[in-house]
Structures are given as C-alpha cells and as structure tokens.
Amino acid sequence: NTAMLKQILLFSFFFFFCTPSLISQEYTVDIEDKLEANRLQLYAVNRNLVDLDVAIEVEGSGFKKREGREIFYRVPATSKVNIMTLIVERKKQALYSYKLKVNDSLSRRARQVPFELIKIDPKKPITVFIPKNCTSKCDSIITPLNNSPYNYRMVQVGEDESVKSQLAAALSGGLERLESMDTPIIMVAGKMYVMIETFEDLMAKQEEDE
C-alpha cells in the first residue's frame, strides 16, 4: 500500500546518505623520483594504513616512456612501489608533470610488484624515554614500535643530563623516582605518561581526543 511504499522510500533515502562506509574514501599518494643512469624511476608512496591501487599518467619533455594501456599497480599500506620508468634522452633533463588515479577498491587485475616498506608519522608524535633500570617493560614498547609503521624518537635518559634533570623535575618524587623506574616515560603530543606498559595502550593514546 501507499504508506508502506513511503516507508520503504524513506528508509532507502536514509540508508544511502547515512552509510559513509559505502563511499570510497579519498587517499593521498605522493610521487618520488630517483635517477639511475639514464633512467628516472617514479615511485608511488602510500603513507596510508590501507592498500591502494595506483595508476599514473605522465607528460613532459626530455624523456621517453612506456606507451599503451593504463596500468594500475598495487601499493600496499605504508610502502612505495616503482610504477613507471622514464628514459632520459641524451644531454637533456627530464621535466615532467603527472596525474594519479588512486583506488581503494582493490582489483585482481592490478599489477603486483616488489615494494619497500616505509615509516610514517603517527597522528601524535611519540617520544620514548628509557630510564636506566627499564629493561623488559621497555622492550614491550620498543619491539612492537620497531615493527610498526610509525616513526618515533627514543631517548636513553642516562645519556643526556639535561633530559634527566627535566624529567626529574616533572616527576612526583623527582630524581629518586626516576632512578628507580623500570617502566618507560612516554610523551605523546607533548603529554607525559608513566603508566603505559604495552603497545596497545600507546596506540589507544593516539586515538584519544585532545
């Protein structure tokens, strides 16, 4: 009946406009180049945490390039992939501009080639201060951080007297507490934490609202 039809249409309208997960998100991919002899290698750099398919269109002068159909390359999360090679003409400089097509709806037809993993900056900068008595509890943070895609800074407290004095002044208990600590001191976006003992806890701080 008419009332039921109106309800179906209203639900369809609400569902379409209120389900952003159905809409492809836009991701930024950078291009880096590296000259090797007379070959200018173009790399797609994916600093996102999702795999992407990337195709490039290049125009310019001073080089020759592969012609033919558009090719999408699989660029895994936090990695870079060589997606085009320009042959630089003798005694000329390659001047180029490019357009990218980036797709997070992965295709089985995308070309999969060797890739190089990269490190990316986390949402909030991370600095890990290692007190002299911190061993296993610091390893439980440092090891997964090293295996993660994130950049971070590590400081051995005992190797920098100025850092040591600043941390002691910021801690309740001062230098005596700092000297006895067996857990890391972690700065996340300028805030100091002394109770983070796992990588999961550290990542949770990344997601907290300011």
C-alpha atoms as a PDB file:
ATOM      1  CA  ASN A   1       0.000   0.000   0.000  1.00  0.00           C
ATOM      2  CA  THR A   2       0.939   3.677  -0.224  1.00  0.00           C
ATOM      3  CA  ALA A   3       2.015   4.022   3.420  1.00  0.00           C
ATOM      4  CA  MET A   4       4.354   1.024   3.197  1.00  0.00           C
ATOM      5  CA  LEU A   5       5.857   2.324  -0.069  1.00  0.00           C
ATOM      6  CA  LYS A   6       6.586   5.687   1.580  1.00  0.00           C
ATOM      7  CA  GLN A   7       8.317   3.919   4.484  1.00  0.00           C
ATOM      8  CA  ILE A   8      10.498   1.903   2.081  1.00  0.00           C
ATOM      9  CA  LEU A   9      11.469   5.020   0.115  1.00  0.00           C
ATOM     10  CA  LEU A  10      12.249   6.939   3.321  1.00  0.00           C
ATOM     11  CA  PHE A  11      14.433   4.094   4.636  1.00  0.00           C
ATOM     12  CA  SER A  12      16.276   3.849   1.301  1.00  0.00           C
ATOM     13  CA  PHE A  13      16.973   7.603   1.347  1.00  0.00           C
ATOM     14  CA  PHE A  14      18.254   7.449   4.955  1.00  0.00           C
ATOM     15  CA  PHE A  15      20.423   4.391   4.273  1.00  0.00           C
ATOM     16  CA  PHE A  16      22.041   5.948   1.203  1.00  0.00           C
ATOM     17  CA  PHE A  17      23.007   9.181   2.917  1.00  0.00           C
ATOM     18  CA  CYS A  18      23.957   7.740   6.320  1.00  0.00           C
ATOM     19  CA  THR A  19      26.327   4.921   5.384  1.00  0.00           C
ATOM     20  CA  PRO A  20      29.679   6.591   4.554  1.00  0.00           C
ATOM     21  CA  SER A  21      31.433   3.215   4.634  1.00  0.00           C
ATOM     22  CA  LEU A  22      29.817   2.502   1.270  1.00  0.00           C
ATOM     23  CA  ILE A  23      31.513   5.528  -0.283  1.00  0.00           C
ATOM     24  CA  SER A  24      35.156   5.226  -1.347  1.00  0.00           C
ATOM     25  CA  GLN A  25      37.411   7.395   0.795  1.00  0.00           C
ATOM     26  CA  GLU A  26      39.962   9.658  -0.858  1.00  0.00           C
ATOM     27  CA  TYR A  27      43.603   8.873  -0.117  1.00  0.00           C
ATOM     28  CA  THR A  28      46.701  10.893  -0.936  1.00  0.00           C
ATOM     29  CA  VAL A  29      49.641   9.223  -2.694  1.00  0.00           C
ATOM     30  CA  ASP A  30      52.947  11.025  -3.279  1.00  0.00           C
ATOM     31  CA  ILE A  31      55.416  10.552  -6.123  1.00  0.00           C
ATOM     32  CA  GLU A  32      59.159  10.345  -5.505  1.00  0.00           C
ATOM     33  CA  ASP A  33      61.722  10.066  -8.281  1.00  0.00           C
ATOM     34  CA  LYS A  34      65.241   8.632  -8.390  1.00  0.00           C
ATOM     35  CA  LEU A  35      67.699   8.977 -11.267  1.00  0.00           C
ATOM     36  CA  GLU A  36      69.660   5.798 -12.067  1.00  0.00           C
ATOM     37  CA  ALA A  37      71.990   6.276 -15.050  1.00  0.00           C
ATOM     38  CA  ASN A  38      69.610   7.452 -17.806  1.00  0.00           C
ATOM     39  CA  ARG A  39      66.502   6.089 -16.088  1.00  0.00           C
ATOM     40  CA  LEU A  40      64.276   8.214 -13.898  1.00  0.00           C
ATOM     41  CA  GLN A  41      62.350   5.866 -11.624  1.00  0.00           C
ATOM     42  CA  LEU A  42      58.984   7.104 -10.365  1.00  0.00           C
ATOM     43  CA  TYR A  43      57.762   5.673  -7.060  1.00  0.00           C
ATOM     44  CA  ALA A  44      54.234   5.854  -5.672  1.00  0.00           C
ATOM     45  CA  VAL A  45      54.472   6.442  -1.917  1.00  0.00           C
ATOM     46  CA  ASN A  46      51.487   5.284   0.122  1.00  0.00           C
ATOM     47  CA  ARG A  47      51.571   6.756   3.641  1.00  0.00           C
ATOM     48  CA  ASN A  48      48.105   5.431   4.431  1.00  0.00           C
ATOM     49  CA  LEU A  49      47.280   2.374   6.518  1.00  0.00           C
ATOM     50  CA  VAL A  50      45.338   0.704   3.684  1.00  0.00           C
ATOM     51  CA  ASP A  51      46.423  -0.945   0.428  1.00  0.00           C
ATOM     52  CA  LEU A  52      45.748   1.080  -2.716  1.00  0.00           C
ATOM     53  CA  ASP A  53      45.747   0.608  -6.489  1.00  0.00           C
ATOM     54  CA  VAL A  54      47.541   3.453  -8.262  1.00  0.00           C
ATOM     55  CA  ALA A  55      47.887   4.428 -11.939  1.00  0.00           C
ATOM     56  CA  ILE A  56      49.956   7.324 -13.271  1.00  0.00           C
ATOM     57  CA  GLU A  57      49.752   9.497 -16.378  1.00  0.00           C
ATOM     58  CA  VAL A  58      52.953  11.425 -17.183  1.00  0.00           C
ATOM     59  CA  GLU A  59      53.537  14.336 -19.558  1.00  0.00           C
ATOM     60  CA  GLY A  60      56.631  16.413 -20.201  1.00  0.00           C
ATOM     61  CA  SER A  61      59.838  16.668 -22.184  1.00  0.00           C
ATOM     62  CA  GLY A  62      63.361  15.289 -22.268  1.00  0.00           C
ATOM     63  CA  PHE A  63      62.379  11.643 -21.849  1.00  0.00           C
ATOM     64  CA  LYS A  64      60.708   8.640 -23.407  1.00  0.00           C
ATOM     65  CA  LYS A  65      58.184   6.495 -21.595  1.00  0.00           C
ATOM     66  CA  ARG A  66      56.138   3.368 -21.965  1.00  0.00           C
ATOM     67  CA  GLU A  67      53.040   3.832 -24.054  1.00  0.00           C
ATOM     68  CA  GLY A  68      49.952   1.690 -24.056  1.00  0.00           C
ATOM     69  CA  ARG A  69      47.061   0.935 -21.783  1.00  0.00           C
ATOM     70  CA  GLU A  70      46.671   2.377 -18.317  1.00  0.00           C
ATOM     71  CA  ILE A  71      48.158   0.084 -15.670  1.00  0.00           C
ATOM     72  CA  PHE A  72      47.159   0.063 -12.008  1.00  0.00           C
ATOM     73  CA  TYR A  73      49.815  -1.031  -9.529  1.00  0.00           C
ATOM     74  CA  ARG A  74      49.118  -2.433  -6.080  1.00  0.00           C
ATOM     75  CA  VAL A  75      50.787  -0.194  -3.494  1.00  0.00           C
ATOM     76  CA  PRO A  76      50.480  -1.826  -0.054  1.00  0.00           C
ATOM     77  CA  ALA A  77      49.892   0.219   3.078  1.00  0.00           C
ATOM     78  CA  THR A  78      52.920   2.251   4.219  1.00  0.00           C
ATOM     79  CA  SER A  79      55.059   1.309   1.239  1.00  0.00           C
ATOM     80  CA  LYS A  80      56.461   2.642  -2.012  1.00  0.00           C
ATOM     81  CA  VAL A  81      56.368   0.988  -5.414  1.00  0.00           C
ATOM     82  CA  ASN A  82      58.104   1.744  -8.713  1.00  0.00           C
ATOM     83  CA  ILE A  83      55.177   2.413 -11.070  1.00  0.00           C
ATOM     84  CA  MET A  84      56.967   3.997 -14.056  1.00  0.00           C
ATOM     85  CA  THR A  85      60.415   4.412 -15.597  1.00  0.00           C
ATOM     86  CA  LEU A  86      61.278   7.413 -17.777  1.00  0.00           C
ATOM     87  CA  ILE A  87      64.206   7.045 -20.199  1.00  0.00           C
ATOM     88  CA  VAL A  88      66.050  10.364 -20.102  1.00  0.00           C
ATOM     89  CA  GLU A  89      67.192  11.484 -23.537  1.00  0.00           C
ATOM     90  CA  ARG A  90      70.884  12.149 -24.060  1.00  0.00           C
ATOM     91  CA  LYS A  91      72.066  15.594 -22.924  1.00  0.00           C
ATOM     92  CA  LYS A  92      68.555  16.507 -21.802  1.00  0.00           C
ATOM     93  CA  GLN A  93      66.831  16.970 -18.475  1.00  0.00           C
ATOM     94  CA  ALA A  94      63.575  15.202 -17.798  1.00  0.00           C
ATOM     95  CA  LEU A  95      60.818  17.693 -16.981  1.00  0.00           C
ATOM     96  CA  TYR A  96      57.525  16.052 -16.156  1.00  0.00           C
ATOM     97  CA  SER A  97      54.109  16.518 -14.631  1.00  0.00           C
ATOM     98  CA  TYR A  98      51.744  13.740 -13.632  1.00  0.00           C
ATOM     99  CA  LYS A  99      48.192  12.809 -12.760  1.00  0.00           C
ATOM    100  CA  LEU A 100      47.333   9.940 -10.442  1.00  0.00           C
ATOM    101  CA  LYS A 101      44.338   7.677 -10.159  1.00  0.00           C
ATOM    102  CA  VAL A 102      44.031   6.176  -6.684  1.00  0.00           C
ATOM    103  CA  ASN A 103      41.556   3.461  -5.800  1.00  0.00           C
ATOM    104  CA  ASP A 104      40.914   1.677  -2.502  1.00  0.00           C
ATOM    105  CA  SER A 105      38.575  -0.818  -4.183  1.00  0.00           C
ATOM    106  CA  LEU A 106      41.335  -3.307  -4.961  1.00  0.00           C
ATOM    107  CA  SER A 107      41.237  -5.092  -8.294  1.00  0.00           C
ATOM    108  CA  ARG A 108      42.584  -8.537  -9.084  1.00  0.00           C
ATOM    109  CA  ARG A 109      43.900  -7.011 -12.312  1.00  0.00           C
ATOM    110  CA  ALA A 110      46.229  -4.582 -10.514  1.00  0.00           C
ATOM    111  CA  ARG A 111      49.892  -5.393 -11.147  1.00  0.00           C
ATOM    112  CA  GLN A 112      51.681  -6.593  -8.022  1.00  0.00           C
ATOM    113  CA  VAL A 113      55.412  -5.892  -7.983  1.00  0.00           C
ATOM    114  CA  PRO A 114      58.110  -5.726  -5.269  1.00  0.00           C
ATOM    115  CA  PHE A 115      57.576  -2.952  -2.722  1.00  0.00           C
ATOM    116  CA  GLU A 116      59.568  -1.227   0.003  1.00  0.00           C
ATOM    117  CA  LEU A 117      58.007  -0.636   3.412  1.00  0.00           C
ATOM    118  CA  ILE A 118      58.302   2.877   4.791  1.00  0.00           C
ATOM    119  CA  LYS A 119      57.770   4.559   8.148  1.00  0.00           C
ATOM    120  CA  ILE A 120      55.055   7.176   8.603  1.00  0.00           C
ATOM    121  CA  ASP A 121      54.371   9.781  11.260  1.00  0.00           C
ATOM    122  CA  PRO A 122      51.685   8.783  13.774  1.00  0.00           C
ATOM    123  CA  LYS A 123      48.724  11.038  14.452  1.00  0.00           C
ATOM    124  CA  LYS A 124      50.545  12.359  17.509  1.00  0.00           C
ATOM    125  CA  PRO A 125      54.368  12.491  17.860  1.00  0.00           C
ATOM    126  CA  ILE A 126      55.842   9.802  20.128  1.00  0.00           C
ATOM    127  CA  THR A 127      58.983  10.055  22.255  1.00  0.00           C
ATOM    128  CA  VAL A 128      60.029   7.156  24.480  1.00  0.00           C
ATOM    129  CA  PHE A 129      62.399   7.921  27.364  1.00  0.00           C
ATOM    130  CA  ILE A 130      64.260   4.875  28.656  1.00  0.00           C
ATOM    131  CA  PRO A 131      65.321   5.024  32.347  1.00  0.00           C
ATOM    132  CA  LYS A 132      68.482   3.107  33.190  1.00  0.00           C
ATOM    133  CA  ASN A 133      66.579   0.366  35.076  1.00  0.00           C
ATOM    134  CA  CYS A 134      63.990  -0.185  32.365  1.00  0.00           C
ATOM    135  CA  THR A 135      64.574  -3.458  30.509  1.00  0.00           C
ATOM    136  CA  SER A 136      61.756  -5.899  29.785  1.00  0.00           C
ATOM    137  CA  LYS A 137      58.953  -3.354  30.211  1.00  0.00           C
ATOM    138  CA  CYS A 138      60.694  -1.000  27.826  1.00  0.00           C
ATOM    139  CA  ASP A 139      61.247  -3.842  25.348  1.00  0.00           C
ATOM    140  CA  SER A 140      57.484  -4.488  25.386  1.00  0.00           C
ATOM    141  CA  ILE A 141      57.073  -0.984  23.939  1.00  0.00           C
ATOM    142  CA  ILE A 142      60.185  -0.649  21.766  1.00  0.00           C
ATOM    143  CA  THR A 143      59.944  -4.002  19.953  1.00  0.00           C
ATOM    144  CA  PRO A 144      56.390  -3.505  18.604  1.00  0.00           C
ATOM    145  CA  LEU A 145      57.182   0.138  17.822  1.00  0.00           C
ATOM    146  CA  ASN A 146      60.136  -1.000  15.717  1.00  0.00           C
ATOM    147  CA  ASN A 147      57.854  -3.483  13.957  1.00  0.00           C
ATOM    148  CA  SER A 148      55.123  -0.892  13.425  1.00  0.00           C
ATOM    149  CA  PRO A 149      54.895   1.542  10.508  1.00  0.00           C
ATOM    150  CA  TYR A 150      55.365   4.524  12.813  1.00  0.00           C
ATOM    151  CA  ASN A 151      58.231   6.939  13.300  1.00  0.00           C
ATOM    152  CA  TYR A 152      59.137   7.657  16.898  1.00  0.00           C
ATOM    153  CA  ARG A 153      62.010   9.079  18.937  1.00  0.00           C
ATOM    154  CA  MET A 154      63.847   7.100  21.622  1.00  0.00           C
ATOM    155  CA  VAL A 155      65.998   8.748  24.297  1.00  0.00           C
ATOM    156  CA  GLN A 156      68.253   6.945  26.779  1.00  0.00           C
ATOM    157  CA  VAL A 157      67.780   9.043  29.912  1.00  0.00           C
ATOM    158  CA  GLY A 158      71.209   8.233  31.346  1.00  0.00           C
ATOM    159  CA  GLU A 159      72.975   9.572  28.257  1.00  0.00           C
ATOM    160  CA  ASP A 160      71.650  13.137  28.485  1.00  0.00           C
ATOM    161  CA  GLU A 161      71.933  15.034  31.776  1.00  0.00           C
ATOM    162  CA  SER A 162      69.686  17.876  30.610  1.00  0.00           C
ATOM    163  CA  VAL A 163      66.901  15.428  29.725  1.00  0.00           C
ATOM    164  CA  LYS A 164      67.437  13.641  33.025  1.00  0.00           C
ATOM    165  CA  SER A 165      67.072  16.846  35.032  1.00  0.00           C
ATOM    166  CA  GLN A 166      63.967  17.930  33.106  1.00  0.00           C
ATOM    167  CA  LEU A 167      62.242  14.592  33.641  1.00  0.00           C
ATOM    168  CA  ALA A 168      63.188  14.531  37.317  1.00  0.00           C
ATOM    169  CA  ALA A 169      61.689  17.992  37.752  1.00  0.00           C
ATOM    170  CA  ALA A 170      58.457  16.886  36.076  1.00  0.00           C
ATOM    171  CA  LEU A 171      58.050  13.696  38.129  1.00  0.00           C
ATOM    172  CA  SER A 172      56.461  13.435  41.525  1.00  0.00           C
ATOM    173  CA  GLY A 173      59.335  12.037  43.576  1.00  0.00           C
ATOM    174  CA  GLY A 174      61.956  13.723  41.424  1.00  0.00           C
ATOM    175  CA  LEU A 175      65.346  12.205  40.707  1.00  0.00           C
ATOM    176  CA  GLU A 176      64.949   9.413  43.258  1.00  0.00           C
ATOM    177  CA  ARG A 177      61.844   8.130  41.495  1.00  0.00           C
ATOM    178  CA  LEU A 178      63.425   8.494  38.062  1.00  0.00           C
ATOM    179  CA  GLU A 179      66.465   6.470  39.130  1.00  0.00           C
ATOM    180  CA  SER A 180      64.260   3.620  40.362  1.00  0.00           C
ATOM    181  CA  MET A 181      61.783   3.479  37.478  1.00  0.00           C
ATOM    182  CA  ASP A 182      61.553   0.226  35.492  1.00  0.00           C
ATOM    183  CA  THR A 183      58.903   1.478  33.071  1.00  0.00           C
ATOM    184  CA  PRO A 184      59.309   3.862  30.124  1.00  0.00           C
ATOM    185  CA  ILE A 185      58.309   7.505  30.226  1.00  0.00           C
ATOM    186  CA  ILE A 186      56.371   8.307  27.075  1.00  0.00           C
ATOM    187  CA  MET A 187      55.493  11.651  25.553  1.00  0.00           C
ATOM    188  CA  VAL A 188      52.513  11.675  23.204  1.00  0.00           C
ATOM    189  CA  ALA A 189      51.885  15.038  21.563  1.00  0.00           C
ATOM    190  CA  GLY A 190      53.704  16.774  24.426  1.00  0.00           C
ATOM    191  CA  LYS A 191      51.863  14.968  27.238  1.00  0.00           C
ATOM    192  CA  MET A 192      53.884  12.778  29.592  1.00  0.00           C
ATOM    193  CA  TYR A 193      52.738   9.300  30.626  1.00  0.00           C
ATOM    194  CA  VAL A 194      54.427   6.978  33.132  1.00  0.00           C
ATOM    195  CA  MET A 195      51.882   4.155  33.202  1.00  0.00           C
ATOM    196  CA  ILE A 196      51.962   2.999  29.566  1.00  0.00           C
ATOM    197  CA  GLU A 197      53.438  -0.504  29.510  1.00  0.00           C
ATOM    198  CA  THR A 198      52.073  -2.002  26.284  1.00  0.00           C
ATOM    199  CA  PHE A 199      51.984  -1.036  22.633  1.00  0.00           C
ATOM    200  CA  GLU A 200      48.192  -1.346  22.681  1.00  0.00           C
ATOM    201  CA  ASP A 201      47.956   1.243  25.463  1.00  0.00           C
ATOM    202  CA  LEU A 202      50.217   3.560  23.474  1.00  0.00           C
ATOM    203  CA  MET A 203      48.061   3.231  20.362  1.00  0.00           C
ATOM    204  CA  ALA A 204      44.964   3.939  22.465  1.00  0.00           C
ATOM    205  CA  LYS A 205      46.512   7.285  23.450  1.00  0.00           C
ATOM    206  CA  GLN A 206      46.832   8.077  19.741  1.00  0.00           C
ATOM    207  CA  GLU A 207      43.067   7.799  19.361  1.00  0.00           C
ATOM    208  CA  GLU A 208      42.089   9.839  22.398  1.00  0.00           C
ATOM    209  CA  ASP A 209      40.559  13.252  21.796  1.00  0.00           C
ATOM    210  CA  GLU A 210      42.564  16.234  22.889  1.00  0.00           C
END
